[in-house]
C-alpha atoms as a PDB file:
ATOM      1  CA  UNK A   1     -52.615   1.862 -28.208  1.00  0.00           C
ATOM      2  CA  UNK A   2     -53.940  -0.965 -26.308  1.00  0.00           C
ATOM      3  CA  UNK A   3     -52.072  -3.359 -28.603  1.00  0.00           C
ATOM      4  CA  UNK A   4     -48.672  -1.711 -27.994  1.00  0.00           C
ATOM      5  CA  UNK A   5     -48.628  -2.023 -24.328  1.00  0.00           C
ATOM      6  CA  UNK A   6     -50.325  -5.340 -24.096  1.00  0.00           C
ATOM      7  CA  UNK A   7     -47.653  -6.931 -26.779  1.00  0.00           C
ATOM      8  CA  UNK A   8     -44.148  -6.802 -24.359  1.00  0.00           C
ATOM      9  CA  UNK A   9     -46.480  -8.005 -21.517  1.00  0.00           C
ATOM     10  CA  UNK A  10     -47.333 -10.700 -23.753  1.00  0.00           C
ATOM     11  CA  UNK A  11     -43.654 -11.517 -24.594  1.00  0.00           C
ATOM     12  CA  UNK A  12     -42.749 -11.640 -21.220  1.00  0.00           C
ATOM     13  CA  UNK A  13     -45.060 -14.009 -20.058  1.00  0.00           C
ATOM     14  CA  UNK A  14     -44.563 -16.112 -23.023  1.00  0.00           C
ATOM     15  CA  UNK A  15     -40.654 -16.394 -22.027  1.00  0.00           C
ATOM     16  CA  UNK A  16     -39.937 -19.559 -20.260  1.00  0.00           C
ATOM     17  CA  UNK A  17     -37.023 -17.839 -18.311  1.00  0.00           C
ATOM     18  CA  UNK A  18     -36.279 -14.299 -16.529  1.00  0.00           C
ATOM     19  CA  UNK A  19     -34.696 -11.791 -18.811  1.00  0.00           C
ATOM     20  CA  UNK A  20     -31.026 -12.155 -19.905  1.00  0.00           C
ATOM     21  CA  UNK A  21     -29.788  -9.534 -17.710  1.00  0.00           C
ATOM     22  CA  UNK A  22     -30.682 -10.655 -14.454  1.00  0.00           C
ATOM     23  CA  UNK A  23     -28.527 -14.161 -14.784  1.00  0.00           C
ATOM     24  CA  UNK A  24     -24.834 -12.579 -15.582  1.00  0.00           C
ATOM     25  CA  UNK A  25     -25.812  -9.709 -12.764  1.00  0.00           C
ATOM     26  CA  UNK A  26     -26.345 -12.249 -10.167  1.00  0.00           C
ATOM     27  CA  UNK A  27     -23.228 -14.656 -11.486  1.00  0.00           C
ATOM     28  CA  UNK A  28     -20.691 -11.476 -11.674  1.00  0.00           C
ATOM     29  CA  UNK A  29     -22.023 -10.565  -8.174  1.00  0.00           C
ATOM     30  CA  UNK A  30     -21.439 -13.819  -7.053  1.00  0.00           C
ATOM     31  CA  UNK A  31     -18.042 -13.855  -8.931  1.00  0.00           C
ATOM     32  CA  UNK A  32     -16.936 -10.098  -7.262  1.00  0.00           C
ATOM     33  CA  UNK A  33     -17.873 -11.609  -3.385  1.00  0.00           C
ATOM     34  CA  UNK A  34     -15.738 -14.899  -4.155  1.00  0.00           C
ATOM     35  CA  UNK A  35     -13.097 -12.988  -5.860  1.00  0.00           C
ATOM     36  CA  UNK A  36     -12.662 -10.314  -2.831  1.00  0.00           C
ATOM     37  CA  UNK A  37     -12.644 -13.119  -0.042  1.00  0.00           C
ATOM     38  CA  UNK A  38      -9.833 -14.711  -2.979  1.00  0.00           C
ATOM     39  CA  UNK A  39      -7.535 -11.293  -2.411  1.00  0.00           C
ATOM     40  CA  UNK A  40      -8.385 -10.990   0.971  1.00  0.00           C
ATOM     41  CA  UNK A  41      -6.962 -14.082   1.967  1.00  0.00           C
ATOM     42  CA  UNK A  42      -3.729 -13.850  -0.610  1.00  0.00           C
ATOM     43  CA  UNK A  43      -3.014 -10.437   1.205  1.00  0.00           C
ATOM     44  CA  UNK A  44      -3.113 -11.986   4.406  1.00  0.00           C
ATOM     45  CA  UNK A  45      -0.918 -14.845   3.503  1.00  0.00           C
ATOM     46  CA  UNK A  46       1.467 -12.078   2.441  1.00  0.00           C
ATOM     47  CA  UNK A  47       1.551 -10.094   5.425  1.00  0.00           C
ATOM     48  CA  UNK A  48       2.390 -13.346   6.767  1.00  0.00           C
ATOM     49  CA  UNK A  49       4.981 -14.220   4.870  1.00  0.00           C
ATOM     50  CA  UNK A  50       6.424 -10.534   5.398  1.00  0.00           C
ATOM     51  CA  UNK A  51       6.303 -10.485   9.415  1.00  0.00           C
ATOM     52  CA  UNK A  52       7.967 -14.419   9.287  1.00  0.00           C
ATOM     53  CA  UNK A  53      10.749 -13.013   6.571  1.00  0.00           C
ATOM     54  CA  UNK A  54      11.258  -9.982   8.962  1.00  0.00           C
ATOM     55  CA  UNK A  55      11.688 -11.999  12.174  1.00  0.00           C
ATOM     56  CA  UNK A  56      14.224 -14.631  10.367  1.00  0.00           C
ATOM     57  CA  UNK A  57      17.503 -13.548  11.076  1.00  0.00           C
ATOM     58  CA  UNK A  58      18.729 -16.146   8.435  1.00  0.00           C
ATOM     59  CA  UNK A  59      16.306 -15.569   5.248  1.00  0.00           C
ATOM     60  CA  UNK A  60      15.723 -12.069   6.007  1.00  0.00           C
ATOM     61  CA  UNK A  61      19.046 -11.106   4.981  1.00  0.00           C
ATOM     62  CA  UNK A  62      18.815 -12.951   1.776  1.00  0.00           C
ATOM     63  CA  UNK A  63      17.664 -10.542  -1.186  1.00  0.00           C
ATOM     64  CA  UNK A  64      15.820 -13.012  -3.499  1.00  0.00           C
ATOM     65  CA  UNK A  65      13.310 -13.697  -0.917  1.00  0.00           C
ATOM     66  CA  UNK A  66      12.244 -10.086  -0.333  1.00  0.00           C
ATOM     67  CA  UNK A  67      12.489  -9.568  -4.064  1.00  0.00           C
ATOM     68  CA  UNK A  68      10.423 -12.649  -4.697  1.00  0.00           C
ATOM     69  CA  UNK A  69       7.899 -11.225  -1.785  1.00  0.00           C
ATOM     70  CA  UNK A  70       7.827  -7.597  -3.543  1.00  0.00           C
ATOM     71  CA  UNK A  71       6.941  -9.136  -6.755  1.00  0.00           C
ATOM     72  CA  UNK A  72       4.241 -10.978  -5.259  1.00  0.00           C
ATOM     73  CA  UNK A  73       3.027  -7.987  -3.392  1.00  0.00           C
ATOM     74  CA  UNK A  74       2.692  -6.066  -7.124  1.00  0.00           C
ATOM     75  CA  UNK A  75       1.136  -9.050  -8.712  1.00  0.00           C
ATOM     76  CA  UNK A  76      -1.342  -9.058  -5.890  1.00  0.00           C
ATOM     77  CA  UNK A  77      -1.701  -4.911  -6.036  1.00  0.00           C
ATOM     78  CA  UNK A  78      -1.914  -5.592  -9.545  1.00  0.00           C
ATOM     79  CA  UNK A  79      -4.952  -8.215  -9.984  1.00  0.00           C
ATOM     80  CA  UNK A  80      -6.999  -6.444  -7.450  1.00  0.00           C
ATOM     81  CA  UNK A  81      -9.174  -3.636  -6.515  1.00  0.00           C
ATOM     82  CA  UNK A  82     -10.128  -1.514  -3.994  1.00  0.00           C
ATOM     83  CA  UNK A  83      -8.602  -1.480  -0.288  1.00  0.00           C
ATOM     84  CA  UNK A  84      -6.576  -5.092  -0.974  1.00  0.00           C
ATOM     85  CA  UNK A  85      -4.988  -3.235  -4.128  1.00  0.00           C
ATOM     86  CA  UNK A  86      -3.730  -0.306  -1.835  1.00  0.00           C
ATOM     87  CA  UNK A  87      -2.821  -2.499   1.409  1.00  0.00           C
ATOM     88  CA  UNK A  88      -0.587  -4.767  -1.164  1.00  0.00           C
ATOM     89  CA  UNK A  89       1.031  -1.972  -3.086  1.00  0.00           C
ATOM     90  CA  UNK A  90       1.534  -0.433   0.681  1.00  0.00           C
ATOM     91  CA  UNK A  91       3.188  -4.133   1.743  1.00  0.00           C
ATOM     92  CA  UNK A  92       5.539  -4.010  -1.362  1.00  0.00           C
ATOM     93  CA  UNK A  93       6.606  -0.617  -0.299  1.00  0.00           C
ATOM     94  CA  UNK A  94       7.661  -1.512   3.271  1.00  0.00           C
ATOM     95  CA  UNK A  95       9.553  -4.982   1.466  1.00  0.00           C
ATOM     96  CA  UNK A  96      11.647  -2.430  -0.690  1.00  0.00           C
ATOM     97  CA  UNK A  97      12.144  -0.307   2.368  1.00  0.00           C
ATOM     98  CA  UNK A  98      13.129  -3.831   4.313  1.00  0.00           C
ATOM     99  CA  UNK A  99      14.984  -4.712   1.854  1.00  0.00           C
ATOM    100  CA  UNK A 100      17.157  -1.286   1.731  1.00  0.00           C
ATOM    101  CA  UNK A 101      17.792  -1.392   5.407  1.00  0.00           C
ATOM    102  CA  UNK A 102      19.376  -4.682   5.275  1.00  0.00           C
ATOM    103  CA  UNK A 103      21.073  -3.798   2.077  1.00  0.00           C
ATOM    104  CA  UNK A 104      22.025  -0.216   2.890  1.00  0.00           C
ATOM    105  CA  UNK A 105      21.955   0.389  -0.838  1.00  0.00           C
ATOM    106  CA  UNK A 106      21.235   3.603  -2.420  1.00  0.00           C
ATOM    107  CA  UNK A 107      19.461   2.299  -5.153  1.00  0.00           C
ATOM    108  CA  UNK A 108      17.097  -0.115  -2.574  1.00  0.00           C
ATOM    109  CA  UNK A 109      16.482   3.326  -0.995  1.00  0.00           C
ATOM    110  CA  UNK A 110      15.408   5.053  -3.805  1.00  0.00           C
ATOM    111  CA  UNK A 111      12.977   2.622  -4.773  1.00  0.00           C
ATOM    112  CA  UNK A 112      11.442   2.512  -1.434  1.00  0.00           C
ATOM    113  CA  UNK A 113      11.116   6.203  -1.700  1.00  0.00           C
ATOM    114  CA  UNK A 114       9.728   6.427  -5.328  1.00  0.00           C
ATOM    115  CA  UNK A 115       7.395   3.326  -4.101  1.00  0.00           C
ATOM    116  CA  UNK A 116       5.850   5.265  -1.415  1.00  0.00           C
ATOM    117  CA  UNK A 117       5.548   7.977  -2.952  1.00  0.00           C
ATOM    118  CA  UNK A 118       3.724   6.285  -5.668  1.00  0.00           C
ATOM    119  CA  UNK A 119       1.346   5.090  -3.606  1.00  0.00           C
ATOM    120  CA  UNK A 120       0.231   8.505  -2.147  1.00  0.00           C
ATOM    121  CA  UNK A 121       0.078   9.778  -5.575  1.00  0.00           C
ATOM    122  CA  UNK A 122      -2.235   6.821  -7.107  1.00  0.00           C
ATOM    123  CA  UNK A 123      -4.235   6.848  -4.162  1.00  0.00           C
ATOM    124  CA  UNK A 124      -4.317  10.192  -2.424  1.00  0.00           C
ATOM    125  CA  UNK A 125      -8.374   9.168  -0.675  1.00  0.00           C
ATOM    126  CA  UNK A 126      -7.050   5.878   1.209  1.00  0.00           C
ATOM    127  CA  UNK A 127      -5.732   5.502   4.798  1.00  0.00           C
ATOM    128  CA  UNK A 128      -2.468   4.352   3.530  1.00  0.00           C
ATOM    129  CA  UNK A 129      -1.514   7.555   1.504  1.00  0.00           C
ATOM    130  CA  UNK A 130      -0.578  10.037   4.562  1.00  0.00           C
ATOM    131  CA  UNK A 131       1.509   6.612   6.194  1.00  0.00           C
ATOM    132  CA  UNK A 132       3.439   6.451   2.990  1.00  0.00           C
ATOM    133  CA  UNK A 133       4.168  10.001   3.028  1.00  0.00           C
ATOM    134  CA  UNK A 134       5.632   9.595   6.465  1.00  0.00           C
ATOM    135  CA  UNK A 135       7.621   6.673   5.682  1.00  0.00           C
ATOM    136  CA  UNK A 136       9.215   8.133   2.692  1.00  0.00           C
ATOM    137  CA  UNK A 137       9.937  11.446   4.428  1.00  0.00           C
ATOM    138  CA  UNK A 138      11.583   9.167   7.112  1.00  0.00           C
ATOM    139  CA  UNK A 139      13.768   7.845   4.459  1.00  0.00           C
ATOM    140  CA  UNK A 140      14.752  10.918   2.910  1.00  0.00           C
ATOM    141  CA  UNK A 141      15.030  12.530   6.056  1.00  0.00           C
ATOM    142  CA  UNK A 142      16.735  10.451   8.650  1.00  0.00           C
ATOM    143  CA  UNK A 143      18.140   7.333   6.679  1.00  0.00           C
ATOM    144  CA  UNK A 144      19.748   9.426   3.692  1.00  0.00           C
ATOM    145  CA  UNK A 145      19.831  12.877   5.473  1.00  0.00           C
ATOM    146  CA  UNK A 146      18.057  14.759   2.343  1.00  0.00           C
ATOM    147  CA  UNK A 147      16.347  16.973   5.300  1.00  0.00           C
ATOM    148  CA  UNK A 148      14.738  19.774   2.541  1.00  0.00           C
ATOM    149  CA  UNK A 149      12.947  16.890   0.409  1.00  0.00           C
ATOM    150  CA  UNK A 150      12.202  15.360   3.668  1.00  0.00           C
ATOM    151  CA  UNK A 151      10.779  18.254   5.100  1.00  0.00           C
ATOM    152  CA  UNK A 152       8.808  19.038   1.498  1.00  0.00           C
ATOM    153  CA  UNK A 153       7.030  15.612   1.764  1.00  0.00           C
ATOM    154  CA  UNK A 154       5.965  16.398   5.647  1.00  0.00           C
ATOM    155  CA  UNK A 155       4.982  19.882   4.554  1.00  0.00           C
ATOM    156  CA  UNK A 156       2.714  17.968   1.868  1.00  0.00           C
ATOM    157  CA  UNK A 157       1.187  15.257   4.458  1.00  0.00           C
ATOM    158  CA  UNK A 158       0.374  17.926   6.757  1.00  0.00           C
ATOM    159  CA  UNK A 159      -1.554  19.977   4.747  1.00  0.00           C
ATOM    160  CA  UNK A 160      -3.517  17.357   2.755  1.00  0.00           C
ATOM    161  CA  UNK A 161      -3.968  15.003   5.750  1.00  0.00           C
ATOM    162  CA  UNK A 162      -4.087  17.027   8.835  1.00  0.00           C
ATOM    163  CA  UNK A 163      -6.261  14.896  10.917  1.00  0.00           C
ATOM    164  CA  UNK A 164      -4.604  11.647   9.964  1.00  0.00           C
ATOM    165  CA  UNK A 165      -3.006  10.129  12.783  1.00  0.00           C
ATOM    166  CA  UNK A 166       0.652  10.085  10.575  1.00  0.00           C
ATOM    167  CA  UNK A 167       0.266  14.254  10.848  1.00  0.00           C
ATOM    168  CA  UNK A 168       1.043  13.557  14.697  1.00  0.00           C
ATOM    169  CA  UNK A 169       4.467  11.275  13.896  1.00  0.00           C
ATOM    170  CA  UNK A 170       4.955  13.780  11.058  1.00  0.00           C
ATOM    171  CA  UNK A 171       5.340  16.951  13.211  1.00  0.00           C
ATOM    172  CA  UNK A 172       7.239  15.169  15.694  1.00  0.00           C
ATOM    173  CA  UNK A 173       9.964  13.829  13.055  1.00  0.00           C
ATOM    174  CA  UNK A 174       9.745  17.275  11.297  1.00  0.00           C
ATOM    175  CA  UNK A 175      10.628  18.932  14.629  1.00  0.00           C
ATOM    176  CA  UNK A 176      13.648  16.417  15.060  1.00  0.00           C
ATOM    177  CA  UNK A 177      14.839  16.989  11.570  1.00  0.00           C
ATOM    178  CA  UNK A 178      14.971  20.982  12.302  1.00  0.00           C
ATOM    179  CA  UNK A 179      16.991  19.859  15.490  1.00  0.00           C
ATOM    180  CA  UNK A 180      19.477  17.822  13.516  1.00  0.00           C
ATOM    181  CA  UNK A 181      18.357  14.805  15.913  1.00  0.00           C
ATOM    182  CA  UNK A 182      17.428  11.066  14.615  1.00  0.00           C
ATOM    183  CA  UNK A 183      14.305   9.872  16.366  1.00  0.00           C
ATOM    184  CA  UNK A 184      14.532   6.835  18.302  1.00  0.00           C
ATOM    185  CA  UNK A 185      12.068   4.961  15.962  1.00  0.00           C
ATOM    186  CA  UNK A 186      14.687   6.041  12.914  1.00  0.00           C
ATOM    187  CA  UNK A 187      17.815   5.072  15.091  1.00  0.00           C
ATOM    188  CA  UNK A 188      16.106   1.532  15.556  1.00  0.00           C
ATOM    189  CA  UNK A 189      15.284   1.502  12.015  1.00  0.00           C
ATOM    190  CA  UNK A 190      18.804   2.709  10.723  1.00  0.00           C
ATOM    191  CA  UNK A 191      21.550   0.171  11.692  1.00  0.00           C
ATOM    192  CA  UNK A 192      24.306   2.618  11.101  1.00  0.00           C
ATOM    193  CA  UNK A 193      22.711   5.231  13.510  1.00  0.00           C
ATOM    194  CA  UNK A 194      23.411   2.706  16.305  1.00  0.00           C
ATOM    195  CA  UNK A 195      27.029   2.594  15.545  1.00  0.00           C
ATOM    196  CA  UNK A 196      27.050   6.341  15.504  1.00  0.00           C
ATOM    197  CA  UNK A 197      25.118   6.902  18.836  1.00  0.00           C
END
């Protein structure tokens, strides 16, 4: 019986290097840390592009710039994992919303609403899920006037995320929609509201 215990020990001592499993595991950990840093850097670059495009009066009106930004955000979301993936998907949805604010296209608005709904459904545990539901409801209720649908989204937000920061905003938006008024933030985001106000 002692021979069975000694033979594996002798095999380990005779081996010129550490067992094969340790080097790949260490390499994978380093690769993951480097990849995460690169993803974070890419996300920050996309956020700077978003802010610059949003602030640029001329380029911000051109559809192709928004579509390119949305595609780059979606590509990063598809290639990433974890919080970077969620933030990239949220930035893509925000890009769709900004594009719809500039184009006033029903198709663009529907895509923005769908992007927010997909994000909240795909990443329900993310801190951005309640924010996505709020933005979806604001687009539905304030911009498109689909108050019943917006109320259902806000109700889901309040039920699922009662302690979130977006919950307070959801209550205020729900009250404003029930009263038939546009909120100041929504009126600012909707250029058509300025004409009617």
